[in-house]
Amino acid sequence: MRKRRTVVIGACIAMLLVLLVWAHASRDPVRIAYNWLLDNYRMTTVDDLADWFNEQQAQFLPIAIPGEDPWLQTGQPTVVPFDPSNFPKKFTKRLIGEWYGDAPGYDIVIIEDPDTRETVFFDDTSKEIYALKPPKGYDPEWFVLLKYPDLYSGSYSTQEIAQLVAQYDPARIQISVRLVPTDHLADYLEYMQSQIPPDSGGGGILMSFTTNDFSFTDVYPTTNGTYMEFTAETGAYYKVQCADYLTNGMTWKSTNMLLGVAGSLDWTDTSEITHTRFYRVWKADRDAPGDEDNDALDDLTELEGVTDPLDPDTDDDTALDGYDPQPTNSAVSRLYLNITTPADGTVLGGYE
């Protein structure tokens, strides 16, 4: 008898993502979202859902918080249509649903078992629904080898290799998503659209999740951009960053700085959103900011400056931000040292 598995929920301590599927106010956001979801994310079989999960792992691993702990994220998109009649009966029978107007929705969590490498599906009470065996010849180091093709070339120590393999283990990424039967997708989107305030200034469907100490309380389009309201914790610094589309080559842009304040905050992103935009928020404690990406530059300094607290080499020039004289200029990566004698302070010379 197979041992019963339980979900070890990963933490989202310092980062928050919001996905906006936006439509111009003069258009029909429900129709646009309906066609977009059906064209790109319709899950015909359980294998389709497993393949989508694999794509989510590839999207989130590049921005995963450094470490080895599992990391639970909301899927992008957070809702996918599926065809229940083509799924195994064991899968559909164990789903737990809720009604959203006239449409049922089923919240699940998908993980990669770190021991068996099976793709495992859980309901929202952490009970296993179904499991798929890994593809033949599956290599759990596929992502780290994609990112570091020279990993085993001798350039890295045994400890560095172990750390990178653990950091980029795809089993770290766990995805929560809501399944909506294809036949009920239009009803579901109509219901979700009806929950947006009528005076919000445009059409949009918000898909989001929050951390314990920072949350988006309201997000909607206006005539001059995207209006956002936040609640934040006292004694912390926050930086809001955004990027369009979530791919390996995506660049996060700093959009605003929220300095050590609490209560309700608001801000408007005035840049144009073409279709989808992701926002993330990075937090640093003022008294003990830490160095999350281990680049010799503490998080608070990075938040107040222009470097990325989640990227040890912001400009990708091989020099860590803390040792890079110009950490956002990839053309400058060389370090210079002035060596002085301890006795009289005479400068001996500059060394590259």
Foldseek 3Di string as FASTA:
>chain_A
DDDFDFDPEFADAFKWKKKWQFDFFVDDSLVVVLVVQVVPFEAAEVVSVVVLLVVQLQLCLVQDQQDQAAYEDADVVQEHAYAVVRYDPLQVVPFDWDDLDPWIKTKWKWFQPPPQRWIWIAGPVRGTRDIHHDPPPDDQQVNLCVVVVCLPVPPDDPVVSVSSSSSSRSRSYMYMHMYTHSVCSSVNSVSQQVPADPPLARGIHMDTDDHPFKDWPDWGAHPQAIKTKMFGDAQKKKWKWKWADRHPPIDIFTDDIDPRDGDMDMDGDRDDDPGMMMMMMGMAGPVHRAQRCPLLQGPVNCRVDPADSSDQQRCPLPHGPNQFPDSNDNVGRDHKDFDADPPPRDTPDIDD
